[in-house]
Amino acid sequence: MSEIFVGTNFHRDFPFYFDQDWLVPCYADDEPPNTKGKFINVLEKTKRYRNTILDFKHWYEDISDIMFYKAMGTQATDYYTINSNQDAEYLGSACYRRFLWIDSGRDMSMKRITMTASEESYKLLTDKRMKENALKYLEESDIIINREVDVGTTVEQQYLTYEMKEYWDLFKEGIVKVNPTYKSSMKWFTESTRCHFEGVYITKKHLMRQLVSEYFLIMEHIWDNTTDIFPDKEKRSINCSEPFPWRYPGFLMERFVPFFIHANSLKKTEVPLALLR
């Protein structure tokens, strides 16, 4: 078992082969993406883990499985990662086209590096050197994450510019309900103008398990109290600019990860985001 296990969520075809054990391609669907490599089906129930993202499907009982998987997105793999009894010391989250650039030798001051989605790019991003650099950073830091960006307004206002207020209000309620010690940190949402979007990170095993467990407890609060589990613009008029507002579980996780870092005073190492086009 690798010292690092980064569950890397895929929902589209993936023609390039991952031939290493630390950035692990995963999917949540009945059939894997078209791929040369071997994927982990995070829905399988085996003796190695008890829980899958389907633990939460009952809230979406009127929604097809495929649309539920799309609504959950990367969080389906995150849930697998923390519940699969990984022997790795460090766990992390990535997705089919967003990775961390952990090459300490060059371009480390950039916020984002755009790369062609090619076999050469995947080999570079999964290179042994990247893993070795990550392990060095984690000797001194609690978490490696892509660089934060200035959103030009507060984190809260930036969210509300595009997304639905109902889920945001329930999200904030849920945070304090799940972990009352976070109450003193909640002003971060209304005061901070900087945020780590994308949610690509590697951290200590116990921290990812805490982060993802708290997130799903917060989501349960939202699902228990929302007027619409799956807001769909094809079925009703919705006043927000986001074309697929049912993706709010992922949008909220993008804000919860940096809040979690802030509220727990984690020591972080920031690196560029590698975005594959």
Protein backbone atom coordinates (compact mmCIF):
# COMPACT_ATOMS: atom_id res chain seq x y z
CA MET A 1 0.00 0.00 0.00
CA SER A 2 1.23 3.47 -0.89
CA GLU A 3 1.90 6.02 1.88
CA ILE A 4 -0.60 8.25 0.06
CA PHE A 5 -4.03 7.37 -1.33
CA VAL A 6 -5.76 10.10 -3.35
CA GLY A 7 -9.18 8.97 -4.51
CA THR A 8 -9.50 10.52 -7.96
CA ASN A 9 -13.10 10.73 -9.14
CA PHE A 10 -13.96 10.22 -12.80
CA HIS A 11 -17.31 10.65 -14.51
CA ARG A 12 -16.08 10.89 -18.09
CA ASP A 13 -14.06 8.67 -20.39
CA PHE A 14 -10.43 8.30 -19.38
CA PRO A 15 -8.18 6.92 -22.14
CA PHE A 16 -4.93 7.13 -20.20
CA TYR A 17 -3.57 4.48 -17.85
CA PHE A 18 -2.56 5.17 -14.25
CA ASP A 19 0.30 2.75 -13.53
CA GLN A 20 0.95 3.74 -9.91
CA ASP A 21 -0.80 3.32 -6.57
CA TRP A 22 -1.20 6.75 -4.99
CA LEU A 23 -3.47 8.67 -7.40
CA VAL A 24 -6.21 6.08 -7.74
CA PRO A 25 -8.92 6.38 -10.43
CA CYS A 26 -12.43 5.82 -9.06
CA TYR A 27 -15.99 6.11 -10.34
CA ALA A 28 -19.58 5.90 -9.10
CA ASP A 29 -21.85 4.43 -11.77
CA ASP A 30 -23.08 1.13 -13.09
CA GLU A 31 -20.36 1.08 -15.75
CA PRO A 32 -16.81 2.49 -15.57
CA PRO A 33 -15.67 5.25 -17.94
CA ASN A 34 -14.08 4.02 -21.16
CA THR A 35 -10.52 3.45 -19.99
CA LYS A 36 -7.32 1.50 -20.51
CA GLY A 37 -6.70 1.25 -16.78
CA LYS A 38 -8.35 -0.42 -13.82
CA PHE A 39 -10.87 1.69 -11.90
CA ILE A 40 -12.24 1.26 -8.40
CA ASN A 41 -16.02 1.10 -8.35
CA VAL A 42 -16.80 3.02 -5.15
CA LEU A 43 -20.30 1.49 -5.06
CA GLU A 44 -19.13 -2.07 -4.59
CA LYS A 45 -19.72 -3.56 -1.17
CA THR A 46 -16.79 -5.67 -0.04
CA LYS A 47 -15.43 -6.86 3.27
CA ARG A 48 -12.91 -4.04 3.20
CA TYR A 49 -15.52 -1.32 3.71
CA ARG A 50 -19.12 -1.04 4.83
CA ASN A 51 -20.32 2.31 3.52
CA THR A 52 -20.89 3.69 0.04
CA ILE A 53 -22.40 6.89 -1.27
CA LEU A 54 -25.67 4.96 -1.58
CA ASP A 55 -26.04 5.45 2.18
CA PHE A 56 -27.50 8.82 1.19
CA LYS A 57 -29.63 7.77 -1.80
CA HIS A 58 -32.85 7.60 0.25
CA TRP A 59 -33.00 11.40 0.29
CA TYR A 60 -33.03 11.24 -3.50
CA GLU A 61 -35.60 8.46 -3.82
CA ASP A 62 -37.37 10.07 -6.80
CA ILE A 63 -34.11 10.76 -8.66
CA SER A 64 -32.42 8.26 -10.98
CA ASP A 65 -29.19 6.66 -9.80
CA ILE A 66 -27.15 8.34 -12.52
CA MET A 67 -28.42 11.82 -11.62
CA PHE A 68 -27.77 11.11 -7.94
CA TYR A 69 -24.16 10.15 -8.76
CA LYS A 70 -23.80 13.34 -10.79
CA ALA A 71 -25.18 15.42 -7.91
CA MET A 72 -22.68 13.86 -5.51
CA GLY A 73 -19.74 14.09 -7.92
CA THR A 74 -16.34 13.83 -6.27
CA GLN A 75 -17.95 13.39 -2.85
CA ALA A 76 -18.90 9.83 -3.84
CA THR A 77 -15.20 8.99 -4.05
CA ASP A 78 -14.39 11.03 -0.92
CA TYR A 79 -16.86 8.92 1.03
CA TYR A 80 -15.25 5.74 -0.29
CA THR A 81 -11.78 7.04 0.59
CA ILE A 82 -12.54 7.62 4.27
CA ASN A 83 -14.52 4.37 4.68
CA SER A 84 -12.33 1.88 2.83
CA ASN A 85 -9.85 1.16 5.64
CA GLN A 86 -6.96 2.61 3.68
CA ASP A 87 -3.58 1.70 5.14
CA ALA A 88 -2.05 4.88 3.77
CA GLU A 89 -0.91 7.53 6.25
CA TYR A 90 -2.26 10.33 4.05
CA LEU A 91 -5.52 10.56 2.12
CA GLY A 92 -6.70 13.03 -0.48
CA SER A 93 -9.21 14.10 -3.10
CA ALA A 94 -8.90 14.93 -6.81
CA CYS A 95 -11.00 14.57 -9.95
CA TYR A 96 -10.65 13.68 -13.60
CA ARG A 97 -9.11 16.99 -14.70
CA ARG A 98 -8.00 18.75 -11.50
CA PHE A 99 -4.81 17.71 -9.77
CA LEU A 100 -2.11 19.21 -7.57
CA TRP A 101 1.15 20.34 -9.17
CA ILE A 102 3.72 19.10 -6.64
CA ASP A 103 6.91 19.58 -8.63
CA SER A 104 9.02 21.63 -6.23
CA GLY A 105 11.51 22.49 -8.95
CA ARG A 106 9.46 24.84 -11.14
CA ASP A 107 6.33 26.97 -11.54
CA MET A 108 5.44 26.69 -7.86
CA SER A 109 4.42 30.33 -7.50
CA MET A 110 1.60 30.05 -10.05
CA LYS A 111 -2.01 29.62 -9.00
CA ARG A 112 -2.92 27.43 -11.96
CA ILE A 113 -1.07 25.46 -14.60
CA THR A 114 -3.06 24.44 -17.67
CA MET A 115 -2.00 21.20 -19.34
CA THR A 116 -3.21 19.17 -22.29
CA ALA A 117 -5.18 16.07 -21.31
CA SER A 118 -2.70 13.58 -22.72
CA GLU A 119 -0.86 10.45 -21.66
CA GLU A 120 2.29 12.54 -21.18
CA SER A 121 0.48 14.92 -18.79
CA TYR A 122 -0.94 12.08 -16.70
CA LYS A 123 2.47 10.40 -16.48
CA LEU A 124 3.96 13.67 -15.26
CA LEU A 125 1.25 14.33 -12.67
CA THR A 126 1.49 10.80 -11.29
CA ASP A 127 5.27 10.61 -11.40
CA LYS A 128 7.08 9.16 -8.39
CA ARG A 129 8.78 12.53 -7.89
CA MET A 130 5.42 14.20 -7.29
CA LYS A 131 4.59 11.69 -4.58
CA GLU A 132 8.01 12.10 -2.95
CA ASN A 133 7.59 15.89 -2.91
CA ALA A 134 4.15 15.50 -1.33
CA LEU A 135 5.56 13.33 1.44
CA LYS A 136 8.23 15.94 2.15
CA TYR A 137 5.63 18.71 2.41
CA LEU A 138 3.46 16.59 4.69
CA GLU A 139 6.32 16.16 7.14
CA GLU A 140 5.89 19.86 7.95
CA SER A 141 2.25 20.55 7.03
CA ASP A 142 -1.17 19.18 7.89
CA ILE A 143 -2.48 19.55 4.35
CA ILE A 144 -1.37 20.24 0.78
CA ILE A 145 -3.95 22.18 -1.22
CA ASN A 146 -4.15 24.27 -4.37
CA ARG A 147 -3.44 27.97 -3.89
CA GLU A 148 -6.20 30.20 -2.61
CA VAL A 149 -7.53 32.96 -4.85
CA ASP A 150 -8.97 36.41 -4.15
CA VAL A 151 -12.65 36.31 -5.09
CA GLY A 152 -13.08 40.09 -5.02
CA THR A 153 -15.82 39.93 -2.41
CA THR A 154 -16.56 37.78 0.63
CA VAL A 155 -16.74 34.00 0.32
CA GLU A 156 -20.41 34.15 1.21
CA GLN A 157 -21.31 36.85 -1.30
CA GLN A 158 -19.36 35.12 -4.05
CA TYR A 159 -21.43 31.97 -3.49
CA LEU A 160 -24.73 33.83 -3.39
CA THR A 161 -23.93 35.62 -6.64
CA TYR A 162 -24.38 32.32 -8.50
CA GLU A 163 -26.10 29.80 -6.24
CA MET A 164 -29.31 29.39 -4.24
CA LYS A 165 -29.50 31.06 -0.81
CA GLU A 166 -31.57 28.30 0.81
CA TYR A 167 -28.75 25.75 0.67
CA TRP A 168 -26.20 28.26 1.88
CA ASP A 169 -28.24 29.19 4.95
CA LEU A 170 -28.82 25.54 5.82
CA PHE A 171 -25.11 24.83 5.23
CA LYS A 172 -24.11 27.44 7.80
CA GLU A 173 -26.74 26.18 10.26
CA GLY A 174 -25.47 22.65 9.79
CA ILE A 175 -21.84 23.56 10.43
CA VAL A 176 -22.59 24.90 13.89
CA LYS A 177 -25.00 22.07 14.66
CA VAL A 178 -22.45 19.41 13.71
CA ASN A 179 -19.48 21.04 15.44
CA PRO A 180 -20.43 23.83 17.89
CA THR A 181 -16.74 24.73 18.36
CA TYR A 182 -16.85 26.18 14.82
CA LYS A 183 -19.24 28.94 15.89
CA SER A 184 -16.41 31.38 16.63
CA SER A 185 -14.95 30.79 13.15
CA MET A 186 -18.14 31.39 11.14
CA LYS A 187 -17.28 35.02 10.43
CA TRP A 188 -14.71 33.68 7.97
CA PHE A 189 -17.54 33.32 5.44
CA THR A 190 -18.54 36.98 5.72
CA GLU A 191 -15.08 38.49 6.19
CA SER A 192 -12.62 36.48 4.11
CA THR A 193 -12.16 37.39 0.46
CA ARG A 194 -9.79 34.50 -0.22
CA CYS A 195 -10.71 30.88 -0.78
CA HIS A 196 -9.24 27.57 -1.95
CA PHE A 197 -11.65 26.59 -4.69
CA GLU A 198 -11.61 23.20 -6.44
CA GLY A 199 -11.06 21.24 -3.18
CA VAL A 200 -8.02 19.26 -4.37
CA TYR A 201 -5.91 18.26 -1.40
CA ILE A 202 -3.84 15.65 0.45
CA THR A 203 -3.93 15.53 4.23
CA LYS A 204 -3.41 13.31 7.25
CA LYS A 205 -5.78 10.36 7.37
CA HIS A 206 -7.59 11.42 10.54
CA LEU A 207 -8.12 14.93 9.18
CA MET A 208 -9.74 13.79 5.93
CA ARG A 209 -11.95 11.41 7.86
CA GLN A 210 -13.02 14.27 10.13
CA LEU A 211 -13.52 16.68 7.22
CA VAL A 212 -15.63 14.35 5.08
CA SER A 213 -17.59 12.96 8.03
CA GLU A 214 -18.51 16.47 9.18
CA TYR A 215 -19.42 17.45 5.63
CA PHE A 216 -21.91 14.61 5.24
CA LEU A 217 -23.47 15.35 8.63
CA ILE A 218 -23.93 18.93 7.43
CA MET A 219 -25.46 17.64 4.20
CA GLU A 220 -27.87 15.50 6.20
CA HIS A 221 -29.01 18.68 7.97
CA ILE A 222 -29.58 20.30 4.58
CA TRP A 223 -31.42 17.32 3.12
CA ASP A 224 -33.61 17.04 6.23
CA ASN A 225 -34.66 20.69 6.02
CA THR A 226 -34.61 21.79 2.39
CA THR A 227 -37.79 22.35 0.39
CA ASP A 228 -36.23 20.78 -2.71
CA ILE A 229 -33.60 18.03 -2.59
CA PHE A 230 -32.90 18.22 -6.34
CA PRO A 231 -33.54 21.71 -7.75
CA ASP A 232 -33.89 21.26 -11.49
CA LYS A 233 -34.27 24.19 -13.89
CA GLU A 234 -35.83 21.88 -16.47
CA LYS A 235 -38.78 21.33 -14.13
CA ARG A 236 -39.30 24.73 -12.52
CA SER A 237 -38.14 28.33 -12.58
CA ILE A 238 -35.17 28.88 -10.25
CA ASN A 239 -33.66 32.29 -9.54
CA CYS A 240 -29.94 31.65 -9.81
CA SER A 241 -27.40 31.78 -12.62
CA GLU A 242 -26.02 28.28 -12.01
CA PRO A 243 -27.35 26.07 -14.85
CA PHE A 244 -27.37 22.93 -12.68
CA PRO A 245 -28.28 24.01 -9.14
CA TRP A 246 -28.65 20.36 -8.09
CA ARG A 247 -24.85 20.30 -7.94
CA TYR A 248 -24.92 22.23 -4.65
CA PRO A 249 -23.32 19.33 -2.66
CA GLY A 250 -20.08 19.89 -4.56
CA PHE A 251 -20.29 23.68 -4.48
CA LEU A 252 -20.70 23.61 -0.70
CA MET A 253 -17.79 21.20 -0.27
CA GLU A 254 -15.58 23.65 -2.19
CA ARG A 255 -16.27 26.17 0.58
CA PHE A 256 -16.19 23.72 3.46
CA VAL A 257 -12.63 22.51 2.77
CA PRO A 258 -11.02 25.97 3.22
CA PHE A 259 -13.33 26.71 6.16
CA PHE A 260 -12.22 23.45 7.78
CA ILE A 261 -8.57 24.47 7.35
CA HIS A 262 -9.30 27.86 8.91
CA ALA A 263 -11.47 26.61 11.78
CA ASN A 264 -8.97 23.91 12.76
CA SER A 265 -5.90 26.17 12.31
CA LEU A 266 -4.26 23.64 10.00
CA LYS A 267 -0.76 24.26 8.73
CA LYS A 268 -0.96 24.19 4.95
CA THR A 269 1.33 24.01 1.96
CA GLU A 270 -0.14 25.68 -1.12
CA VAL A 271 0.77 24.48 -4.60
CA PRO A 272 -0.55 25.29 -8.09
CA LEU A 273 -3.65 23.60 -9.44
CA ALA A 274 -2.96 21.52 -12.54
CA LEU A 275 -5.99 21.83 -14.83
CA LEU A 276 -6.22 19.44 -17.75
CA ARG A 277 -7.89 20.72 -20.91
